[in-house]
Amino acid sequence: MSERSEQIVSILENAFADRVRRDPAAFRKRFRKMAADPFAFYRGSAALYYADMADRDDPWATGALSRAWIHGDLHAENFGTYLNDQGRLIFDVNDFDEAYLGHFTWDLQRCAASLALIGWRKAFPDEVIDELIARYIRSYLDQVAYYTQSDRDKDWALRLDNARGPVRRTLLDARSASRIDLLTANTVVVDEDRQFLDGSGVRRLDDDEHERVLRAYERYLDTVPQTKRTPNEIAFEVKDVVGRSGFGIGSAGLRAYNVLLEGRSEALENDVILSVKEGNVAAASAVVHDERLAGAFEHHGHRTALSQRALQVHTDPYLGWTEIDGTGFVVSELSPYESDLEWDDLTEPDEITELVTDLGKATAKMHCVSDADAEGLAVDEQVENLVLARVDGRVGELVSWVQEFAREYAELTRADHARFVDAFRHGGFGRVSAVAG
């Protein structure tokens, strides 16, 4: 293998070592999906991205801007909808498993490189890809400026009443979903009450594991802010618990459970499903060395939930964390109103230009507006003021810097994808073989 191939294998093996030992078959499936195309590889190799970032100069993320809350895995497919705690459908960044503190530019660069990969996949000329990235960065900075001028910054969001184009279509798709459809797909009514369906990816628990999960659930309740707790006495009562697997390629090797709750009334259609998923190690943590972080998080489940509260206004009211057998888990609602942004049917630059403008706004919202429930580790400085001061009079320089990085890193990713596939096919990953047996 080449030196770069050996580096790819070493970084991915180290990043996933514990999870691979636990479930090598799940990682064979994950690696198979990463082998599909360069973008799939990019999505699954955040650890490689941060290893590369550690060796690069960053003239923009100085001082406090090198330790801002970041998403950690911001790419073009990590945007979608959710129903916030005020009952509004919002289009926003999603999937906070990799969230951490780091350079604010790491999110911009990672998303820009993903746009370059998508543009290449759609056979756009380089100048079109450059324009998409420029639009994304300029929209980001325009929205950052908005937050320096508004005293009601938590009110702004991409919603049905102000969205357009692909974002509006995504919101409308989410609006057409229903809780009863989600419940019908995952549960069944037996003896006049609801329980989980048995089937693929569902595991019934023995008495001991069932009891441990219930105790963890009781601990989780203490992490739900009082402002988001329902006054109804019947809500949060457990009806059923199962183990879960096969729910997401990024979660390969992580333990997970689903908990079925009585909803805010005794009506069967109001029942709620919670996801209780083991927290993973944030990829950025391998290159961010900050004494403040050493005792900031109880475990990775706590870090994931706290980060989401810091990055998302009016989060899922069920968001919290717990611990099982000394391991941290993040808890959230399995919501029917989460709809991911779909890129397959977007083929023309004009439509995608409109979309990346909204992605820039959503990225700025994430960086500049934090939830009041993000107690604990805090970033005291106002990110919007720091960003605008840093780029004052140099917007074109930042745009060019991100464009150059995105072109270069997308090209590297395409080559790395081929290296990864070759290493995987020829047994380079040891425990994760290309064939079962």
Foldseek 3Di string as FASTA:
>chain_A
DDPVLVVQLVQVCVQCVVLCVLPLPLVLVLLVQLLPALLSVLQQPLLVVLVVVLPDDDLQCPDLLFFFKDLQRAAPFQWWWDQFLVRFIFTFGHDSLQIGTGHLVSNLLNHLLNLVLVCVVLVHDLVLSLLLSLLLLVLLLVLLVVLVVDPPLLPDTQGCVPDDFLRNVRQVVLVPWALQVVQVVFWDQDPNAIEGDDDPFWAADDPVVVVLVVVQLVVFVVFQDPVLDDPAPQWPAWDYKIWGDPPDSSQRSKTKMKTWICASDNPRSRIWIKIWIFRGHNSNVVSDDDPLPPPQAQARQRVSLLSCQFQDERHQSSWTWGDGPRTIITMGTPDSSIGIRDDPPPNDSVSSSSVSSNVSSSSSSRRADGYPSSPTDDSPDRVSVSSCVSCPVPSVVVSVVSSVSSVVVSVVSNVSSVSSVVCQQVVVNPSNHNDDD
